């Protein structure tokens, strides 16, 4: 089981347009510090699963890495933008699984093209899809949002973005699920004391302490969070890492 971070930014990306903070200046000068919209690829059991689809050039990625299926956390544009060009493509339909959100995004439901959209309506109910057991958990965000728990003989993975804290029932489920690996929203620095839709670093570390994964990666990073990491250089727990675009990790 292998996970690749295709993008690790919030909607503004890094560098943020028009910004000259230390993080954005570094990203302008060095491509390795750039961040694209949050998106990941999970390769498991002979299948390639996309987690979110906000990359503007997602169609190019899918030419060389055809996905078996796509799993959406929610229908904000920075998590679905890549589907708008793919849908007009040719070839077999691509299954896309997402939360129950009647509004969706723009006209994606009305004109799905080769995107075959499925709504997952039963949280906390395991389903076997693409050779792996998948369970959704509700998250706290400004739009209906769900995280994904993947169970495989090589380990258990929880992918939780976008969220600010966790709903009580999801937190209870995740404690019982006991993920070996955790991918978690950490958009804001601790200086952003009262976030409304995304975790700050303090909240993310509290969730990690509660769930106690073997290893965790923080994603959905804003330029402000990157700037905090550069200027404050906080010491993180041994089981916490900051995800980077194109980072590949073996989960076993």
C-alpha atoms as a PDB file:
ATOM      1  CA  UNK A   1       0.000   0.000   0.000  1.00  0.00           C
ATOM      2  CA  UNK A   2       1.535   3.299  -1.121  1.00  0.00           C
ATOM      3  CA  UNK A   3       0.308   6.876  -0.746  1.00  0.00           C
ATOM      4  CA  UNK A   4       1.466   9.773  -2.914  1.00  0.00           C
ATOM      5  CA  UNK A   5       0.652  13.369  -2.006  1.00  0.00           C
ATOM      6  CA  UNK A   6      -0.200  15.014  -5.330  1.00  0.00           C
ATOM      7  CA  UNK A   7      -1.110  18.304  -3.652  1.00  0.00           C
ATOM      8  CA  UNK A   8      -0.952  19.537  -0.063  1.00  0.00           C
ATOM      9  CA  UNK A   9      -2.294  23.117  -0.120  1.00  0.00           C
ATOM     10  CA  UNK A  10      -5.478  24.856   0.849  1.00  0.00           C
ATOM     11  CA  UNK A  11      -7.575  26.635  -1.785  1.00  0.00           C
ATOM     12  CA  UNK A  12      -5.126  29.550  -2.042  1.00  0.00           C
ATOM     13  CA  UNK A  13      -2.136  27.292  -2.795  1.00  0.00           C
ATOM     14  CA  UNK A  14       1.490  28.136  -2.094  1.00  0.00           C
ATOM     15  CA  UNK A  15       2.698  30.590  -3.265  1.00  0.00           C
ATOM     16  CA  UNK A  16      -0.449  32.593  -2.662  1.00  0.00           C
ATOM     17  CA  UNK A  17      -1.149  35.000  -5.519  1.00  0.00           C
ATOM     18  CA  UNK A  18       0.276  38.441  -4.773  1.00  0.00           C
ATOM     19  CA  UNK A  19       1.944  37.438  -1.507  1.00  0.00           C
ATOM     20  CA  UNK A  20       5.613  37.973  -0.698  1.00  0.00           C
ATOM     21  CA  UNK A  21       5.784  36.395   2.752  1.00  0.00           C
ATOM     22  CA  UNK A  22       8.789  34.180   3.484  1.00  0.00           C
ATOM     23  CA  UNK A  23       6.939  30.985   2.549  1.00  0.00           C
ATOM     24  CA  UNK A  24       5.576  32.354  -0.720  1.00  0.00           C
ATOM     25  CA  UNK A  25       8.922  33.898  -1.675  1.00  0.00           C
ATOM     26  CA  UNK A  26      10.626  30.558  -1.064  1.00  0.00           C
ATOM     27  CA  UNK A  27       8.014  28.749  -3.160  1.00  0.00           C
ATOM     28  CA  UNK A  28       8.429  31.259  -5.997  1.00  0.00           C
ATOM     29  CA  UNK A  29      12.189  30.701  -5.986  1.00  0.00           C
ATOM     30  CA  UNK A  30      12.153  26.909  -5.503  1.00  0.00           C
ATOM     31  CA  UNK A  31       9.531  24.625  -7.040  1.00  0.00           C
ATOM     32  CA  UNK A  32      10.000  22.059  -4.271  1.00  0.00           C
ATOM     33  CA  UNK A  33       8.254  24.390  -1.827  1.00  0.00           C
ATOM     34  CA  UNK A  34       5.187  24.933  -3.984  1.00  0.00           C
ATOM     35  CA  UNK A  35       1.884  23.393  -2.955  1.00  0.00           C
ATOM     36  CA  UNK A  36      -0.983  22.441  -5.267  1.00  0.00           C
ATOM     37  CA  UNK A  37      -4.573  21.846  -4.090  1.00  0.00           C
ATOM     38  CA  UNK A  38      -4.986  18.985  -1.641  1.00  0.00           C
ATOM     39  CA  UNK A  39      -5.093  15.637  -3.453  1.00  0.00           C
ATOM     40  CA  UNK A  40      -3.558  12.190  -2.956  1.00  0.00           C
ATOM     41  CA  UNK A  41      -3.240   8.842  -4.702  1.00  0.00           C
ATOM     42  CA  UNK A  42      -3.524   5.538  -2.854  1.00  0.00           C
ATOM     43  CA  UNK A  43      -2.124   2.496  -4.656  1.00  0.00           C
ATOM     44  CA  UNK A  44      -3.430  -0.691  -3.083  1.00  0.00           C
ATOM     45  CA  UNK A  45      -4.426  -4.202  -4.131  1.00  0.00           C
ATOM     46  CA  UNK A  46      -3.654  -3.452  -7.779  1.00  0.00           C
ATOM     47  CA  UNK A  47      -5.890  -0.376  -7.810  1.00  0.00           C
ATOM     48  CA  UNK A  48      -5.084   3.332  -8.025  1.00  0.00           C
ATOM     49  CA  UNK A  49      -7.485   5.415  -5.943  1.00  0.00           C
ATOM     50  CA  UNK A  50      -7.577   9.212  -6.105  1.00  0.00           C
ATOM     51  CA  UNK A  51      -8.466  11.045  -2.907  1.00  0.00           C
ATOM     52  CA  UNK A  52     -10.011  14.345  -4.014  1.00  0.00           C
ATOM     53  CA  UNK A  53      -9.637  15.847  -7.466  1.00  0.00           C
ATOM     54  CA  UNK A  54      -8.748  19.519  -7.248  1.00  0.00           C
ATOM     55  CA  UNK A  55      -5.548  19.498  -9.300  1.00  0.00           C
ATOM     56  CA  UNK A  56      -5.935  21.814 -12.324  1.00  0.00           C
ATOM     57  CA  UNK A  57      -3.865  19.369 -14.421  1.00  0.00           C
ATOM     58  CA  UNK A  58      -5.557  16.248 -13.092  1.00  0.00           C
ATOM     59  CA  UNK A  59      -6.352  15.095 -16.632  1.00  0.00           C
ATOM     60  CA  UNK A  60      -2.631  14.914 -17.431  1.00  0.00           C
ATOM     61  CA  UNK A  61      -1.945  12.908 -14.279  1.00  0.00           C
ATOM     62  CA  UNK A  62      -4.769  10.494 -15.099  1.00  0.00           C
ATOM     63  CA  UNK A  63      -3.346   9.851 -18.577  1.00  0.00           C
ATOM     64  CA  UNK A  64      -0.286   8.215 -17.016  1.00  0.00           C
ATOM     65  CA  UNK A  65      -1.962   6.996 -13.802  1.00  0.00           C
ATOM     66  CA  UNK A  66      -5.522   5.968 -14.740  1.00  0.00           C
ATOM     67  CA  UNK A  67      -7.581   5.872 -11.532  1.00  0.00           C
ATOM     68  CA  UNK A  68      -9.747   2.896 -10.684  1.00  0.00           C
ATOM     69  CA  UNK A  69     -11.981   5.283  -8.735  1.00  0.00           C
ATOM     70  CA  UNK A  70     -12.018   8.760  -7.192  1.00  0.00           C
ATOM     71  CA  UNK A  71     -13.112   9.469  -3.618  1.00  0.00           C
ATOM     72  CA  UNK A  72     -14.190  13.034  -2.833  1.00  0.00           C
ATOM     73  CA  UNK A  73     -14.248  14.479   0.654  1.00  0.00           C
ATOM     74  CA  UNK A  74     -16.623  17.239  -0.484  1.00  0.00           C
ATOM     75  CA  UNK A  75     -17.673  19.405  -3.410  1.00  0.00           C
ATOM     76  CA  UNK A  76     -15.724  22.621  -2.862  1.00  0.00           C
ATOM     77  CA  UNK A  77     -14.004  23.700  -6.072  1.00  0.00           C
ATOM     78  CA  UNK A  78     -10.458  23.154  -4.781  1.00  0.00           C
ATOM     79  CA  UNK A  79     -11.315  19.472  -4.299  1.00  0.00           C
ATOM     80  CA  UNK A  80     -13.179  18.808  -7.558  1.00  0.00           C
ATOM     81  CA  UNK A  81     -11.826  21.284 -10.159  1.00  0.00           C
ATOM     82  CA  UNK A  82      -9.907  18.608 -12.054  1.00  0.00           C
ATOM     83  CA  UNK A  83     -13.115  16.733 -12.855  1.00  0.00           C
ATOM     84  CA  UNK A  84     -14.463  19.524 -15.044  1.00  0.00           C
ATOM     85  CA  UNK A  85     -12.098  18.772 -17.928  1.00  0.00           C
ATOM     86  CA  UNK A  86     -11.987  15.008 -17.410  1.00  0.00           C
ATOM     87  CA  UNK A  87     -15.766  14.694 -17.664  1.00  0.00           C
ATOM     88  CA  UNK A  88     -15.695  15.690 -21.356  1.00  0.00           C
ATOM     89  CA  UNK A  89     -13.100  13.035 -22.141  1.00  0.00           C
ATOM     90  CA  UNK A  90     -13.424   9.741 -23.977  1.00  0.00           C
ATOM     91  CA  UNK A  91     -13.213   6.198 -22.669  1.00  0.00           C
ATOM     92  CA  UNK A  92     -14.891   4.188 -19.958  1.00  0.00           C
ATOM     93  CA  UNK A  93     -16.658   5.888 -17.100  1.00  0.00           C
ATOM     94  CA  UNK A  94     -14.692   6.694 -13.945  1.00  0.00           C
ATOM     95  CA  UNK A  95     -16.496   5.940 -10.651  1.00  0.00           C
ATOM     96  CA  UNK A  96     -16.517   8.957  -8.332  1.00  0.00           C
ATOM     97  CA  UNK A  97     -17.712   8.533  -4.741  1.00  0.00           C
ATOM     98  CA  UNK A  98     -18.701  11.516  -2.623  1.00  0.00           C
ATOM     99  CA  UNK A  99     -20.870  12.748   0.242  1.00  0.00           C
ATOM    100  CA  UNK A 100     -24.577  13.448   0.153  1.00  0.00           C
ATOM    101  CA  UNK A 101     -24.613  17.054  -1.056  1.00  0.00           C
ATOM    102  CA  UNK A 102     -27.546  17.913  -3.348  1.00  0.00           C
ATOM    103  CA  UNK A 103     -25.842  21.160  -4.431  1.00  0.00           C
ATOM    104  CA  UNK A 104     -22.661  19.439  -5.585  1.00  0.00           C
ATOM    105  CA  UNK A 105     -20.410  21.858  -7.470  1.00  0.00           C
ATOM    106  CA  UNK A 106     -21.563  23.962 -10.419  1.00  0.00           C
ATOM    107  CA  UNK A 107     -23.175  21.704 -13.069  1.00  0.00           C
ATOM    108  CA  UNK A 108     -21.183  18.550 -12.310  1.00  0.00           C
ATOM    109  CA  UNK A 109     -24.291  16.553 -11.379  1.00  0.00           C
ATOM    110  CA  UNK A 110     -26.259  17.827 -14.388  1.00  0.00           C
ATOM    111  CA  UNK A 111     -23.474  17.181 -16.913  1.00  0.00           C
ATOM    112  CA  UNK A 112     -21.217  14.447 -15.506  1.00  0.00           C
ATOM    113  CA  UNK A 113     -19.919  13.160 -18.848  1.00  0.00           C
ATOM    114  CA  UNK A 114     -17.681  10.147 -18.214  1.00  0.00           C
ATOM    115  CA  UNK A 115     -17.746  10.832 -14.461  1.00  0.00           C
ATOM    116  CA  UNK A 116     -19.987   8.208 -12.820  1.00  0.00           C
ATOM    117  CA  UNK A 117     -21.014   9.836  -9.531  1.00  0.00           C
ATOM    118  CA  UNK A 118     -22.049   7.709  -6.549  1.00  0.00           C
ATOM    119  CA  UNK A 119     -23.296   9.157  -3.261  1.00  0.00           C
ATOM    120  CA  UNK A 120     -22.264   7.428  -0.049  1.00  0.00           C
ATOM    121  CA  UNK A 121     -25.183   7.916   2.326  1.00  0.00           C
ATOM    122  CA  UNK A 122     -24.329   5.585   5.220  1.00  0.00           C
ATOM    123  CA  UNK A 123     -21.397   6.733   7.380  1.00  0.00           C
ATOM    124  CA  UNK A 124     -19.638   4.260   9.651  1.00  0.00           C
ATOM    125  CA  UNK A 125     -20.742   1.406   7.363  1.00  0.00           C
ATOM    126  CA  UNK A 126     -17.845  -0.585   5.845  1.00  0.00           C
ATOM    127  CA  UNK A 127     -17.985  -1.209   2.097  1.00  0.00           C
ATOM    128  CA  UNK A 128     -15.649  -3.259  -0.048  1.00  0.00           C
ATOM    129  CA  UNK A 129     -14.649  -1.194  -3.072  1.00  0.00           C
ATOM    130  CA  UNK A 130     -11.656  -1.709  -5.347  1.00  0.00           C
ATOM    131  CA  UNK A 131     -10.340  -4.583  -3.255  1.00  0.00           C
ATOM    132  CA  UNK A 132     -10.193  -2.628   0.020  1.00  0.00           C
ATOM    133  CA  UNK A 133     -12.601  -1.997   2.894  1.00  0.00           C
ATOM    134  CA  UNK A 134     -13.668   1.656   2.996  1.00  0.00           C
ATOM    135  CA  UNK A 135     -15.684   3.409   5.697  1.00  0.00           C
ATOM    136  CA  UNK A 136     -16.723   7.062   5.632  1.00  0.00           C
ATOM    137  CA  UNK A 137     -16.834   9.356   8.672  1.00  0.00           C
ATOM    138  CA  UNK A 138     -18.591  12.750   8.805  1.00  0.00           C
ATOM    139  CA  UNK A 139     -16.323  15.775   9.217  1.00  0.00           C
ATOM    140  CA  UNK A 140     -16.992  19.377  10.339  1.00  0.00           C
ATOM    141  CA  UNK A 141     -16.762  21.837   7.476  1.00  0.00           C
ATOM    142  CA  UNK A 142     -18.777  24.537   5.699  1.00  0.00           C
ATOM    143  CA  UNK A 143     -20.134  21.980   3.202  1.00  0.00           C
ATOM    144  CA  UNK A 144     -21.145  18.312   3.694  1.00  0.00           C
ATOM    145  CA  UNK A 145     -17.797  16.561   4.066  1.00  0.00           C
ATOM    146  CA  UNK A 146     -16.609  13.052   4.813  1.00  0.00           C
ATOM    147  CA  UNK A 147     -13.302  11.456   5.638  1.00  0.00           C
ATOM    148  CA  UNK A 148     -12.282   7.970   4.551  1.00  0.00           C
ATOM    149  CA  UNK A 149     -11.000   5.027   6.568  1.00  0.00           C
ATOM    150  CA  UNK A 150      -9.215   2.330   4.567  1.00  0.00           C
ATOM    151  CA  UNK A 151      -8.645  -1.141   5.994  1.00  0.00           C
ATOM    152  CA  UNK A 152      -6.099  -3.449   4.364  1.00  0.00           C
ATOM    153  CA  UNK A 153      -3.857  -6.261   5.648  1.00  0.00           C
ATOM    154  CA  UNK A 154      -0.913  -3.840   5.319  1.00  0.00           C
ATOM    155  CA  UNK A 155      -2.497  -1.348   7.708  1.00  0.00           C
ATOM    156  CA  UNK A 156      -5.341   1.051   8.453  1.00  0.00           C
ATOM    157  CA  UNK A 157      -5.348   4.564   7.001  1.00  0.00           C
ATOM    158  CA  UNK A 158      -7.600   7.527   7.853  1.00  0.00           C
ATOM    159  CA  UNK A 159      -7.789  10.473   5.428  1.00  0.00           C
ATOM    160  CA  UNK A 160      -9.438  13.447   7.160  1.00  0.00           C
ATOM    161  CA  UNK A 161      -9.665  16.753   5.283  1.00  0.00           C
ATOM    162  CA  UNK A 162     -11.345  19.316   5.323  1.00  0.00           C
ATOM    163  CA  UNK A 163     -12.376  19.575   8.962  1.00  0.00           C
ATOM    164  CA  UNK A 164     -12.237  21.728  12.069  1.00  0.00           C
ATOM    165  CA  UNK A 165     -12.038  19.300  14.961  1.00  0.00           C
ATOM    166  CA  UNK A 166     -14.107  16.123  14.731  1.00  0.00           C
ATOM    167  CA  UNK A 167     -17.810  15.417  15.367  1.00  0.00           C
ATOM    168  CA  UNK A 168     -18.260  13.379  18.549  1.00  0.00           C
ATOM    169  CA  UNK A 169     -19.533  10.277  16.745  1.00  0.00           C
ATOM    170  CA  UNK A 170     -16.661  10.392  14.247  1.00  0.00           C
ATOM    171  CA  UNK A 171     -14.117  10.817  17.016  1.00  0.00           C
ATOM    172  CA  UNK A 172     -15.563   7.808  18.847  1.00  0.00           C
ATOM    173  CA  UNK A 173     -15.470   5.718  15.684  1.00  0.00           C
ATOM    174  CA  UNK A 174     -11.904   6.744  14.852  1.00  0.00           C
ATOM    175  CA  UNK A 175     -10.667   5.901  18.342  1.00  0.00           C
ATOM    176  CA  UNK A 176     -12.106   2.404  17.895  1.00  0.00           C
ATOM    177  CA  UNK A 177     -10.809   2.193  14.314  1.00  0.00           C
ATOM    178  CA  UNK A 178      -7.322   3.039  15.637  1.00  0.00           C
ATOM    179  CA  UNK A 179      -5.630   4.054  12.365  1.00  0.00           C
ATOM    180  CA  UNK A 180      -2.010   3.093  11.854  1.00  0.00           C
ATOM    181  CA  UNK A 181      -1.636   6.049   9.505  1.00  0.00           C
ATOM    182  CA  UNK A 182      -3.421   9.397   9.592  1.00  0.00           C
ATOM    183  CA  UNK A 183      -3.625  12.144   6.955  1.00  0.00           C
ATOM    184  CA  UNK A 184      -5.053  15.233   8.640  1.00  0.00           C
ATOM    185  CA  UNK A 185      -6.131  18.776   7.778  1.00  0.00           C
ATOM    186  CA  UNK A 186      -3.828  21.414   9.289  1.00  0.00           C
ATOM    187  CA  UNK A 187      -4.553  24.588   7.365  1.00  0.00           C
ATOM    188  CA  UNK A 188      -3.770  27.151  10.038  1.00  0.00           C
ATOM    189  CA  UNK A 189      -0.976  27.952  12.454  1.00  0.00           C
ATOM    190  CA  UNK A 190      -1.688  28.231  16.202  1.00  0.00           C
ATOM    191  CA  UNK A 191      -1.812  32.005  15.702  1.00  0.00           C
ATOM    192  CA  UNK A 192      -5.174  31.478  13.968  1.00  0.00           C
ATOM    193  CA  UNK A 193      -6.839  30.848  17.315  1.00  0.00           C
ATOM    194  CA  UNK A 194     -10.491  30.287  16.396  1.00  0.00           C
ATOM    195  CA  UNK A 195     -10.739  28.664  12.948  1.00  0.00           C
ATOM    196  CA  UNK A 196     -14.202  28.058  11.528  1.00  0.00           C
ATOM    197  CA  UNK A 197     -13.667  25.416   8.838  1.00  0.00           C
ATOM    198  CA  UNK A 198     -10.158  23.959   9.186  1.00  0.00           C
ATOM    199  CA  UNK A 199      -7.830  22.761  11.934  1.00  0.00           C
ATOM    200  CA  UNK A 200      -5.003  24.865  13.233  1.00  0.00           C
ATOM    201  CA  UNK A 201      -1.808  23.138  14.352  1.00  0.00           C
ATOM    202  CA  UNK A 202      -2.894  22.958  17.989  1.00  0.00           C
ATOM    203  CA  UNK A 203      -6.165  21.258  17.071  1.00  0.00           C
ATOM    204  CA  UNK A 204      -4.469  18.850  14.670  1.00  0.00           C
ATOM    205  CA  UNK A 205      -1.952  17.762  17.308  1.00  0.00           C
ATOM    206  CA  UNK A 206      -4.775  17.236  19.813  1.00  0.00           C
ATOM    207  CA  UNK A 207      -6.563  14.937  17.348  1.00  0.00           C
ATOM    208  CA  UNK A 208      -3.347  13.005  16.732  1.00  0.00           C
ATOM    209  CA  UNK A 209      -2.832  12.615  20.483  1.00  0.00           C
ATOM    210  CA  UNK A 210      -6.369  11.244  20.814  1.00  0.00           C
ATOM    211  CA  UNK A 211      -6.148   8.792  17.895  1.00  0.00           C
ATOM    212  CA  UNK A 212      -2.517   7.754  18.498  1.00  0.00           C
ATOM    213  CA  UNK A 213      -1.534   6.649  14.968  1.00  0.00           C
ATOM    214  CA  UNK A 214       1.884   5.142  14.356  1.00  0.00           C
ATOM    215  CA  UNK A 215       2.534   7.931  11.865  1.00  0.00           C
ATOM    216  CA  UNK A 216       0.626  11.004  10.730  1.00  0.00           C
ATOM    217  CA  UNK A 217       1.030  13.628   8.018  1.00  0.00           C
ATOM    218  CA  UNK A 218      -0.413  17.137   8.056  1.00  0.00           C
ATOM    219  CA  UNK A 219      -1.845  18.405   4.785  1.00  0.00           C
ATOM    220  CA  UNK A 220      -4.112  21.166   3.378  1.00  0.00           C
ATOM    221  CA  UNK A 221      -1.378  23.616   4.389  1.00  0.00           C
ATOM    222  CA  UNK A 222      -1.918  27.362   3.883  1.00  0.00           C
ATOM    223  CA  UNK A 223       0.840  29.836   3.054  1.00  0.00           C
ATOM    224  CA  UNK A 224       0.301  31.269   6.545  1.00  0.00           C
ATOM    225  CA  UNK A 225       0.946  27.841   8.109  1.00  0.00           C
ATOM    226  CA  UNK A 226       4.037  27.364   5.923  1.00  0.00           C
ATOM    227  CA  UNK A 227       5.272  30.791   6.999  1.00  0.00           C
ATOM    228  CA  UNK A 228       4.782  29.832  10.659  1.00  0.00           C
ATOM    229  CA  UNK A 229       6.783  26.630  10.144  1.00  0.00           C
ATOM    230  CA  UNK A 230       9.608  28.618   8.543  1.00  0.00           C
ATOM    231  CA  UNK A 231       9.787  31.354  11.150  1.00  0.00           C
ATOM    232  CA  UNK A 232       8.985  29.422  14.348  1.00  0.00           C
ATOM    233  CA  UNK A 233      10.403  25.981  13.490  1.00  0.00           C
ATOM    234  CA  UNK A 234       8.137  24.183  15.980  1.00  0.00           C
ATOM    235  CA  UNK A 235       9.223  20.814  17.354  1.00  0.00           C
ATOM    236  CA  UNK A 236       6.615  18.244  16.317  1.00  0.00           C
ATOM    237  CA  UNK A 237       5.977  14.858  17.932  1.00  0.00           C
ATOM    238  CA  UNK A 238       7.989  11.981  16.470  1.00  0.00           C
ATOM    239  CA  UNK A 239       4.902  10.542  14.764  1.00  0.00           C
ATOM    240  CA  UNK A 240       3.964  13.808  13.000  1.00  0.00           C
ATOM    241  CA  UNK A 241       5.309  15.018   9.643  1.00  0.00           C
ATOM    242  CA  UNK A 242       4.417  17.875   7.305  1.00  0.00           C
ATOM    243  CA  UNK A 243       3.323  16.505   3.927  1.00  0.00           C
ATOM    244  CA  UNK A 244       4.915  17.859   0.738  1.00  0.00           C
ATOM    245  CA  UNK A 245       3.742  17.706  -2.858  1.00  0.00           C
ATOM    246  CA  UNK A 246       4.972  14.526  -4.602  1.00  0.00           C
ATOM    247  CA  UNK A 247       5.948  12.902  -1.296  1.00  0.00           C
ATOM    248  CA  UNK A 248       5.527   9.114  -1.510  1.00  0.00           C
ATOM    249  CA  UNK A 249       5.127   6.933   1.568  1.00  0.00           C
ATOM    250  CA  UNK A 250       4.977   3.161   1.873  1.00  0.00           C
ATOM    251  CA  UNK A 251       2.264   2.080   4.295  1.00  0.00           C
ATOM    252  CA  UNK A 252       3.105  -1.383   5.584  1.00  0.00           C
END
